PDB file of all heavy atoms in Angstrom:
ATOM      1  N   ALA A   1     -22.408  37.787 -25.124  1.00  0.00           N
ATOM      2  CA  ALA A   1     -23.710  37.377 -25.626  1.00  0.00           C
ATOM      3  C   ALA A   1     -23.697  35.869 -25.834  1.00  0.00           C
ATOM      4  O   ALA A   1     -22.666  35.249 -26.134  1.00  0.00           O
ATOM      5  CB  ALA A   1     -24.009  38.077 -26.940  1.00  0.00           C
ATOM      6  N   ALA A   2     -24.871  35.244 -25.670  1.00  0.00           N
ATOM      7  CA  ALA A   2     -24.959  33.793 -25.808  1.00  0.00           C
ATOM      8  C   ALA A   2     -24.594  33.333 -27.208  1.00  0.00           C
ATOM      9  O   ALA A   2     -24.197  32.184 -27.406  1.00  0.00           O
ATOM     10  CB  ALA A   2     -26.368  33.325 -25.460  1.00  0.00           C
ATOM     11  N   SER A   3     -24.699  34.219 -28.170  1.00  0.00           N
ATOM     12  CA  SER A   3     -24.403  33.837 -29.546  1.00  0.00           C
ATOM     13  C   SER A   3     -22.885  33.726 -29.819  1.00  0.00           C
ATOM     14  O   SER A   3     -22.505  33.270 -30.878  1.00  0.00           O
ATOM     15  CB  SER A   3     -24.999  34.886 -30.503  1.00  0.00           C
ATOM     16  OG  SER A   3     -24.481  36.184 -30.211  1.00  0.00           O
ATOM     17  N   THR A   4     -22.085  34.114 -28.859  1.00  0.00           N
ATOM     18  CA  THR A   4     -20.622  34.001 -29.026  1.00  0.00           C
ATOM     19  C   THR A   4     -20.251  32.556 -29.283  1.00  0.00           C
ATOM     20  O   THR A   4     -20.644  31.646 -28.532  1.00  0.00           O
ATOM     21  CB  THR A   4     -19.879  34.527 -27.787  1.00  0.00           C
ATOM     22  OG1 THR A   4     -20.256  35.895 -27.557  1.00  0.00           O
ATOM     23  CG2 THR A   4     -18.387  34.455 -27.997  1.00  0.00           C
ATOM     24  N   ALA A   5     -19.510  32.282 -30.318  1.00  0.00           N
ATOM     25  CA  ALA A   5     -19.258  30.927 -30.762  1.00  0.00           C
ATOM     26  C   ALA A   5     -18.402  30.154 -29.769  1.00  0.00           C
ATOM     27  O   ALA A   5     -18.658  28.983 -29.504  1.00  0.00           O
ATOM     28  CB  ALA A   5     -18.606  30.926 -32.134  1.00  0.00           C
ATOM     29  N   THR A   6     -17.365  30.759 -29.257  1.00  0.00           N
ATOM     30  CA  THR A   6     -16.433  30.036 -28.384  1.00  0.00           C
ATOM     31  C   THR A   6     -16.201  30.794 -27.113  1.00  0.00           C
ATOM     32  O   THR A   6     -16.284  32.029 -27.067  1.00  0.00           O
ATOM     33  CB  THR A   6     -15.086  29.821 -29.092  1.00  0.00           C
ATOM     34  OG1 THR A   6     -14.529  31.109 -29.448  1.00  0.00           O
ATOM     35  CG2 THR A   6     -15.267  28.994 -30.359  1.00  0.00           C
ATOM     36  N   MET A   7     -15.878  30.052 -26.071  1.00  0.00           N
ATOM     37  CA  MET A   7     -15.520  30.644 -24.791  1.00  0.00           C
ATOM     38  C   MET A   7     -14.115  31.193 -24.873  1.00  0.00           C
ATOM     39  O   MET A   7     -13.232  30.563 -25.442  1.00  0.00           O
ATOM     40  CB  MET A   7     -15.577  29.575 -23.704  1.00  0.00           C
ATOM     41  CG  MET A   7     -16.987  29.284 -23.230  1.00  0.00           C
ATOM     42  SD  MET A   7     -17.380  30.294 -21.802  1.00  0.00           S
ATOM     43  CE  MET A   7     -16.280  29.601 -20.591  1.00  0.00           C
ATOM     44  N   PRO A   8     -13.878  32.373 -24.295  1.00  0.00           N
ATOM     45  CA  PRO A   8     -12.503  32.868 -24.248  1.00  0.00           C
ATOM     46  C   PRO A   8     -11.670  32.042 -23.288  1.00  0.00           C
ATOM     47  O   PRO A   8     -12.226  31.444 -22.340  1.00  0.00           O
ATOM     48  CB  PRO A   8     -12.678  34.291 -23.731  1.00  0.00           C
ATOM     49  CG  PRO A   8     -13.939  34.256 -22.956  1.00  0.00           C
ATOM     50  CD  PRO A   8     -14.816  33.258 -23.635  1.00  0.00           C
ATOM     51  N   PRO A   9     -10.376  31.961 -23.482  1.00  0.00           N
ATOM     52  CA  PRO A   9      -9.549  31.200 -22.531  1.00  0.00           C
ATOM     53  C   PRO A   9      -9.574  31.843 -21.157  1.00  0.00           C
ATOM     54  O   PRO A   9      -9.500  33.078 -21.025  1.00  0.00           O
ATOM     55  CB  PRO A   9      -8.158  31.266 -23.174  1.00  0.00           C
ATOM     56  CG  PRO A   9      -8.200  32.474 -24.041  1.00  0.00           C
ATOM     57  CD  PRO A   9      -9.604  32.578 -24.557  1.00  0.00           C
ATOM     58  N   LEU A  10      -9.708  31.013 -20.109  1.00  0.00           N
ATOM     59  CA  LEU A  10      -9.737  31.514 -18.756  1.00  0.00           C
ATOM     60  C   LEU A  10      -8.593  30.843 -17.998  1.00  0.00           C
ATOM     61  O   LEU A  10      -8.658  29.679 -17.631  1.00  0.00           O
ATOM     62  CB  LEU A  10     -11.082  31.189 -18.086  1.00  0.00           C
ATOM     63  CG  LEU A  10     -12.291  31.939 -18.628  1.00  0.00           C
ATOM     64  CD1 LEU A  10     -13.578  31.385 -18.022  1.00  0.00           C
ATOM     65  CD2 LEU A  10     -12.176  33.421 -18.308  1.00  0.00           C
ATOM     66  N   THR A  11      -7.559  31.587 -17.759  1.00  0.00           N
ATOM     67  CA  THR A  11      -6.404  31.069 -17.026  1.00  0.00           C
ATOM     68  C   THR A  11      -5.999  32.074 -15.932  1.00  0.00           C
ATOM     69  O   THR A  11      -4.913  32.641 -15.955  1.00  0.00           O
ATOM     70  CB  THR A  11      -5.230  30.796 -17.960  1.00  0.00           C
ATOM     71  OG1 THR A  11      -4.915  32.018 -18.653  1.00  0.00           O
ATOM     72  CG2 THR A  11      -5.560  29.695 -18.946  1.00  0.00           C
ATOM     73  N   PRO A  12      -6.880  32.350 -15.022  1.00  0.00           N
ATOM     74  CA  PRO A  12      -6.582  33.366 -14.004  1.00  0.00           C
ATOM     75  C   PRO A  12      -5.489  32.895 -13.054  1.00  0.00           C
ATOM     76  O   PRO A  12      -5.429  31.736 -12.665  1.00  0.00           O
ATOM     77  CB  PRO A  12      -7.904  33.515 -13.252  1.00  0.00           C
ATOM     78  CG  PRO A  12      -8.604  32.186 -13.425  1.00  0.00           C
ATOM     79  CD  PRO A  12      -8.206  31.706 -14.770  1.00  0.00           C
ATOM     80  N   ALA A  13      -4.622  33.818 -12.720  1.00  0.00           N
ATOM     81  CA  ALA A  13      -3.557  33.475 -11.803  1.00  0.00           C
ATOM     82  C   ALA A  13      -4.005  33.485 -10.352  1.00  0.00           C
ATOM     83  O   ALA A  13      -3.369  32.884  -9.498  1.00  0.00           O
ATOM     84  CB  ALA A  13      -2.406  34.500 -11.988  1.00  0.00           C
ATOM     85  N   ASP A  14      -5.126  34.172 -10.090  1.00  0.00           N
ATOM     86  CA  ASP A  14      -5.536  34.352  -8.694  1.00  0.00           C
ATOM     87  C   ASP A  14      -6.615  33.374  -8.263  1.00  0.00           C
ATOM     88  O   ASP A  14      -7.137  33.495  -7.158  1.00  0.00           O
ATOM     89  CB  ASP A  14      -6.077  35.793  -8.507  1.00  0.00           C
ATOM     90  CG  ASP A  14      -5.001  36.826  -8.788  1.00  0.00           C
ATOM     91  OD1 ASP A  14      -3.877  36.621  -8.320  1.00  0.00           O
ATOM     92  OD2 ASP A  14      -5.315  37.807  -9.477  1.00  0.00           O
ATOM     93  N   GLY A  15      -6.994  32.451  -9.078  1.00  0.00           N
ATOM     94  CA  GLY A  15      -8.005  31.499  -8.667  1.00  0.00           C
ATOM     95  C   GLY A  15      -8.930  31.144  -9.799  1.00  0.00           C
ATOM     96  O   GLY A  15      -8.938  31.803 -10.849  1.00  0.00           O
ATOM     97  N   PRO A  16      -9.735  30.076  -9.632  1.00  0.00           N
ATOM     98  CA  PRO A  16     -10.652  29.650 -10.702  1.00  0.00           C
ATOM     99  C   PRO A  16     -11.742  30.694 -10.919  1.00  0.00           C
ATOM    100  O   PRO A  16     -12.138  31.387 -10.019  1.00  0.00           O
ATOM    101  CB  PRO A  16     -11.223  28.335 -10.148  1.00  0.00           C
ATOM    102  CG  PRO A  16     -11.098  28.461  -8.661  1.00  0.00           C
ATOM    103  CD  PRO A  16      -9.838  29.264  -8.428  1.00  0.00           C
ATOM    104  N   PRO A  17     -12.258  30.766 -12.142  1.00  0.00           N
ATOM    105  CA  PRO A  17     -13.272  31.762 -12.457  1.00  0.00           C
ATOM    106  C   PRO A  17     -14.668  31.326 -11.993  1.00  0.00           C
ATOM    107  O   PRO A  17     -14.903  30.160 -11.677  1.00  0.00           O
ATOM    108  CB  PRO A  17     -13.239  31.845 -13.970  1.00  0.00           C
ATOM    109  CG  PRO A  17     -12.857  30.445 -14.379  1.00  0.00           C
ATOM    110  CD  PRO A  17     -11.893  29.982 -13.328  1.00  0.00           C
ATOM    111  N   THR A  18     -15.564  32.290 -11.934  1.00  0.00           N
ATOM    112  CA  THR A  18     -16.990  31.989 -11.705  1.00  0.00           C
ATOM    113  C   THR A  18     -17.743  32.353 -12.983  1.00  0.00           C
ATOM    114  O   THR A  18     -17.596  33.457 -13.518  1.00  0.00           O
ATOM    115  CB  THR A  18     -17.539  32.821 -10.529  1.00  0.00           C
ATOM    116  OG1 THR A  18     -16.855  32.452  -9.335  1.00  0.00           O
ATOM    117  CG2 THR A  18     -19.022  32.586 -10.374  1.00  0.00           C
ATOM    118  N   LEU A  19     -18.545  31.441 -13.479  1.00  0.00           N
ATOM    119  CA  LEU A  19     -19.365  31.665 -14.657  1.00  0.00           C
ATOM    120  C   LEU A  19     -20.804  31.932 -14.215  1.00  0.00           C
ATOM    121  O   LEU A  19     -21.345  31.235 -13.324  1.00  0.00           O
ATOM    122  CB  LEU A  19     -19.322  30.425 -15.564  1.00  0.00           C
ATOM    123  CG  LEU A  19     -17.944  29.932 -15.974  1.00  0.00           C
ATOM    124  CD1 LEU A  19     -18.060  28.659 -16.810  1.00  0.00           C
ATOM    125  CD2 LEU A  19     -17.192  31.004 -16.732  1.00  0.00           C
ATOM    126  N   VAL A  20     -21.444  32.941 -14.810  1.00  0.00           N
ATOM    127  CA  VAL A  20     -22.831  33.259 -14.519  1.00  0.00           C
ATOM    128  C   VAL A  20     -23.600  33.238 -15.829  1.00  0.00           C
ATOM    129  O   VAL A  20     -23.245  33.963 -16.777  1.00  0.00           O
ATOM    130  CB  VAL A  20     -22.946  34.661 -13.855  1.00  0.00           C
ATOM    131  CG1 VAL A  20     -24.404  34.959 -13.544  1.00  0.00           C
ATOM    132  CG2 VAL A  20     -22.113  34.729 -12.588  1.00  0.00           C
ATOM    133  N   LEU A  21     -24.654  32.429 -15.861  1.00  0.00           N
ATOM    134  CA  LEU A  21     -25.491  32.355 -17.067  1.00  0.00           C
ATOM    135  C   LEU A  21     -26.813  33.037 -16.808  1.00  0.00           C
ATOM    136  O   LEU A  21     -27.565  32.674 -15.891  1.00  0.00           O
ATOM    137  CB  LEU A  21     -25.760  30.894 -17.461  1.00  0.00           C
ATOM    138  CG  LEU A  21     -24.562  29.994 -17.791  1.00  0.00           C
ATOM    139  CD1 LEU A  21     -25.033  28.669 -18.360  1.00  0.00           C
ATOM    140  CD2 LEU A  21     -23.586  30.675 -18.723  1.00  0.00           C
ATOM    141  N   TRP A  22     -27.110  34.061 -17.626  1.00  0.00           N
ATOM    142  CA  TRP A  22     -28.408  34.709 -17.611  1.00  0.00           C
ATOM    143  C   TRP A  22     -29.164  34.253 -18.879  1.00  0.00           C
ATOM    144  O   TRP A  22     -29.322  35.019 -19.823  1.00  0.00           O
ATOM    145  CB  TRP A  22     -28.282  36.233 -17.586  1.00  0.00           C
ATOM    146  CG  TRP A  22     -27.609  36.776 -16.358  1.00  0.00           C
ATOM    147  CD1 TRP A  22     -26.332  37.225 -16.249  1.00  0.00           C
ATOM    148  CD2 TRP A  22     -28.188  36.928 -15.053  1.00  0.00           C
ATOM    149  NE1 TRP A  22     -26.057  37.665 -14.989  1.00  0.00           N
ATOM    150  CE2 TRP A  22     -27.181  37.490 -14.219  1.00  0.00           C
ATOM    151  CE3 TRP A  22     -29.447  36.656 -14.513  1.00  0.00           C
ATOM    152  CZ2 TRP A  22     -27.417  37.787 -12.876  1.00  0.00           C
ATOM    153  CZ3 TRP A  22     -29.673  36.943 -13.152  1.00  0.00           C
ATOM    154  CH2 TRP A  22     -28.666  37.504 -12.380  1.00  0.00           C
ATOM    155  N   LEU A  23     -29.576  32.986 -18.876  1.00  0.00           N
ATOM    156  CA  LEU A  23     -30.187  32.382 -20.054  1.00  0.00           C
ATOM    157  C   LEU A  23     -31.464  31.640 -19.679  1.00  0.00           C
ATOM    158  O   LEU A  23     -31.574  31.122 -18.564  1.00  0.00           O
ATOM    159  CB  LEU A  23     -29.214  31.370 -20.695  1.00  0.00           C
ATOM    160  CG  LEU A  23     -27.837  31.879 -21.131  1.00  0.00           C
ATOM    161  CD1 LEU A  23     -26.983  30.702 -21.589  1.00  0.00           C
ATOM    162  CD2 LEU A  23     -27.979  32.904 -22.242  1.00  0.00           C
ATOM    163  N   PRO A  24     -32.437  31.560 -20.603  1.00  0.00           N
ATOM    164  CA  PRO A  24     -33.606  30.717 -20.373  1.00  0.00           C
ATOM    165  C   PRO A  24     -33.190  29.240 -20.256  1.00  0.00           C
ATOM    166  O   PRO A  24     -32.063  28.856 -20.658  1.00  0.00           O
ATOM    167  CB  PRO A  24     -34.488  30.936 -21.601  1.00  0.00           C
ATOM    168  CG  PRO A  24     -34.002  32.233 -22.167  1.00  0.00           C
ATOM    169  CD  PRO A  24     -32.522  32.321 -21.852  1.00  0.00           C
ATOM    170  N   ALA A  25     -34.085  28.416 -19.731  1.00  0.00           N
ATOM    171  CA  ALA A  25     -33.732  27.026 -19.426  1.00  0.00           C
ATOM    172  C   ALA A  25     -33.203  26.258 -20.635  1.00  0.00           C
ATOM    173  O   ALA A  25     -32.188  25.571 -20.550  1.00  0.00           O
ATOM    174  CB  ALA A  25     -34.947  26.303 -18.831  1.00  0.00           C
ATOM    175  N   ALA A  26     -33.859  26.363 -21.772  1.00  0.00           N
ATOM    176  CA  ALA A  26     -33.441  25.614 -22.949  1.00  0.00           C
ATOM    177  C   ALA A  26     -32.049  26.079 -23.406  1.00  0.00           C
ATOM    178  O   ALA A  26     -31.207  25.235 -23.769  1.00  0.00           O
ATOM    179  CB  ALA A  26     -34.454  25.772 -24.093  1.00  0.00           C
ATOM    180  N   GLN A  27     -31.808  27.370 -23.383  1.00  0.00           N
ATOM    181  CA  GLN A  27     -30.498  27.866 -23.786  1.00  0.00           C
ATOM    182  C   GLN A  27     -29.414  27.489 -22.791  1.00  0.00           C
ATOM    183  O   GLN A  27     -28.289  27.185 -23.177  1.00  0.00           O
ATOM    184  CB  GLN A  27     -30.523  29.373 -23.962  1.00  0.00           C
ATOM    185  CG  GLN A  27     -31.149  29.852 -25.263  1.00  0.00           C
ATOM    186  CD  GLN A  27     -31.054  31.351 -25.386  1.00  0.00           C
ATOM    187  OE1 GLN A  27     -31.962  32.079 -25.021  1.00  0.00           O
ATOM    188  NE2 GLN A  27     -29.934  31.838 -25.905  1.00  0.00           N
ATOM    189  N   ALA A  28     -29.767  27.492 -21.515  1.00  0.00           N
ATOM    190  CA  ALA A  28     -28.779  27.097 -20.501  1.00  0.00           C
ATOM    191  C   ALA A  28     -28.417  25.635 -20.659  1.00  0.00           C
ATOM    192  O   ALA A  28     -27.224  25.259 -20.560  1.00  0.00           O
ATOM    193  CB  ALA A  28     -29.355  27.345 -19.105  1.00  0.00           C
ATOM    194  N   THR A  29     -29.399  24.794 -20.927  1.00  0.00           N
ATOM    195  CA  THR A  29     -29.125  23.373 -21.161  1.00  0.00           C
ATOM    196  C   THR A  29     -28.215  23.185 -22.381  1.00  0.00           C
ATOM    197  O   THR A  29     -27.242  22.425 -22.339  1.00  0.00           O
ATOM    198  CB  THR A  29     -30.441  22.614 -21.376  1.00  0.00           C
ATOM    199  OG1 THR A  29     -31.233  22.679 -20.176  1.00  0.00           O
ATOM    200  CG2 THR A  29     -30.190  21.158 -21.719  1.00  0.00           C
ATOM    201  N   ALA A  30     -28.510  23.894 -23.459  1.00  0.00           N
ATOM    202  CA  ALA A  30     -27.694  23.790 -24.652  1.00  0.00           C
ATOM    203  C   ALA A  30     -26.293  24.300 -24.427  1.00  0.00           C
ATOM    204  O   ALA A  30     -25.294  23.697 -24.894  1.00  0.00           O
ATOM    205  CB  ALA A  30     -28.356  24.574 -25.800  1.00  0.00           C
ATOM    206  N   TRP A  31     -26.144  25.394 -23.669  1.00  0.00           N
ATOM    207  CA  TRP A  31     -24.816  25.948 -23.390  1.00  0.00           C
ATOM    208  C   TRP A  31     -23.992  24.961 -22.577  1.00  0.00           C
ATOM    209  O   TRP A  31     -22.811  24.735 -22.878  1.00  0.00           O
ATOM    210  CB  TRP A  31     -24.972  27.275 -22.654  1.00  0.00           C
ATOM    211  CG  TRP A  31     -23.695  28.077 -22.558  1.00  0.00           C
ATOM    212  CD1 TRP A  31     -23.301  29.082 -23.396  1.00  0.00           C
ATOM    213  CD2 TRP A  31     -22.659  27.926 -21.592  1.00  0.00           C
ATOM    214  NE1 TRP A  31     -22.102  29.584 -23.016  1.00  0.00           N
ATOM    215  CE2 TRP A  31     -21.661  28.873 -21.913  1.00  0.00           C
ATOM    216  CE3 TRP A  31     -22.460  27.100 -20.503  1.00  0.00           C
ATOM    217  CZ2 TRP A  31     -20.511  29.010 -21.159  1.00  0.00           C
ATOM    218  CZ3 TRP A  31     -21.288  27.215 -19.748  1.00  0.00           C
ATOM    219  CH2 TRP A  31     -20.325  28.174 -20.072  1.00  0.00           C
ATOM    220  N   LEU A  32     -24.601  24.354 -21.558  1.00  0.00           N
ATOM    221  CA  LEU A  32     -23.887  23.394 -20.728  1.00  0.00           C
ATOM    222  C   LEU A  32     -23.435  22.168 -21.560  1.00  0.00           C
ATOM    223  O   LEU A  32     -22.366  21.602 -21.305  1.00  0.00           O
ATOM    224  CB  LEU A  32     -24.749  22.944 -19.571  1.00  0.00           C
ATOM    225  CG  LEU A  32     -25.015  24.007 -18.477  1.00  0.00           C
ATOM    226  CD1 LEU A  32     -26.082  23.493 -17.511  1.00  0.00           C
ATOM    227  CD2 LEU A  32     -23.731  24.304 -17.727  1.00  0.00           C
ATOM    228  N   SER A  33     -24.290  21.761 -22.494  1.00  0.00           N
ATOM    229  CA  SER A  33     -23.932  20.580 -23.304  1.00  0.00           C
ATOM    230  C   SER A  33     -22.806  20.885 -24.290  1.00  0.00           C
ATOM    231  O   SER A  33     -22.044  19.993 -24.690  1.00  0.00           O
ATOM    232  CB  SER A  33     -25.158  20.090 -24.074  1.00  0.00           C
ATOM    233  OG  SER A  33     -25.574  21.025 -25.039  1.00  0.00           O
ATOM    234  N   ARG A  34     -22.645  22.152 -24.688  1.00  0.00           N
ATOM    235  CA  ARG A  34     -21.617  22.521 -25.667  1.00  0.00           C
ATOM    236  C   ARG A  34     -20.270  22.832 -25.056  1.00  0.00           C
ATOM    237  O   ARG A  34     -19.242  22.737 -25.707  1.00  0.00           O
ATOM    238  CB  ARG A  34     -22.053  23.754 -26.471  1.00  0.00           C
ATOM    239  CG  ARG A  34     -23.209  23.526 -27.442  1.00  0.00           C
ATOM    240  CD  ARG A  34     -23.284  24.667 -28.450  1.00  0.00           C
ATOM    241  NE  ARG A  34     -23.262  25.985 -27.858  1.00  0.00           N
ATOM    242  CZ  ARG A  34     -24.334  26.666 -27.511  1.00  0.00           C
ATOM    243  NH1 ARG A  34     -25.522  26.137 -27.683  1.00  0.00           N
ATOM    244  NH2 ARG A  34     -24.249  27.858 -26.960  1.00  0.00           N
ATOM    245  N   HIS A  35     -20.275  23.247 -23.789  1.00  0.00           N
ATOM    246  CA  HIS A  35     -19.037  23.719 -23.154  1.00  0.00           C
ATOM    247  C   HIS A  35     -18.646  22.797 -22.008  1.00  0.00           C
ATOM    248  O   HIS A  35     -19.390  22.647 -21.042  1.00  0.00           O
ATOM    249  CB  HIS A  35     -19.208  25.152 -22.637  1.00  0.00           C
ATOM    250  CG  HIS A  35     -19.488  26.152 -23.704  1.00  0.00           C
ATOM    251  ND1 HIS A  35     -20.774  26.456 -24.091  1.00  0.00           N
ATOM    252  CD2 HIS A  35     -18.663  26.882 -24.486  1.00  0.00           C
ATOM    253  CE1 HIS A  35     -20.721  27.366 -25.052  1.00  0.00           C
ATOM    254  NE2 HIS A  35     -19.459  27.638 -25.316  1.00  0.00           N
ATOM    255  N   PRO A  36     -17.475  22.196 -22.034  1.00  0.00           N
ATOM    256  CA  PRO A  36     -17.005  21.393 -20.912  1.00  0.00           C
ATOM    257  C   PRO A  36     -16.649  22.293 -19.743  1.00  0.00           C
ATOM    258  O   PRO A  36     -16.381  23.473 -19.911  1.00  0.00           O
ATOM    259  CB  PRO A  36     -15.766  20.697 -21.473  1.00  0.00           C
ATOM    260  CG  PRO A  36     -15.282  21.601 -22.547  1.00  0.00           C
ATOM    261  CD  PRO A  36     -16.489  22.226 -23.159  1.00  0.00           C
ATOM    262  N   PRO A  37     -16.694  21.761 -18.520  1.00  0.00           N
ATOM    263  CA  PRO A  37     -16.353  22.575 -17.348  1.00  0.00           C
ATOM    264  C   PRO A  37     -14.932  23.117 -17.420  1.00  0.00           C
ATOM    265  O   PRO A  37     -13.993  22.448 -17.880  1.00  0.00           O
ATOM    266  CB  PRO A  37     -16.515  21.599 -16.185  1.00  0.00           C
ATOM    267  CG  PRO A  37     -17.354  20.496 -16.714  1.00  0.00           C
ATOM    268  CD  PRO A  37     -17.056  20.376 -18.156  1.00  0.00           C
ATOM    269  N   VAL A  38     -14.778  24.335 -16.992  1.00  0.00           N
ATOM    270  CA  VAL A  38     -13.428  24.934 -16.830  1.00  0.00           C
ATOM    271  C   VAL A  38     -12.889  24.414 -15.512  1.00  0.00           C
ATOM    272  O   VAL A  38     -13.587  24.427 -14.479  1.00  0.00           O
ATOM    273  CB  VAL A  38     -13.551  26.461 -16.810  1.00  0.00           C
ATOM    274  CG1 VAL A  38     -12.185  27.088 -16.570  1.00  0.00           C
ATOM    275  CG2 VAL A  38     -14.161  26.960 -18.120  1.00  0.00           C
TER     276      VAL A  38
END
């Protein structure tokens, strides 16, 4: 859920992860500003 405070650690052995956001524009903008790229 978007309300989750922190991103879980992503350290896949088989390759980089894919993130999918199902969020409205304002929430997507806020999420991108809070989380640095993996």
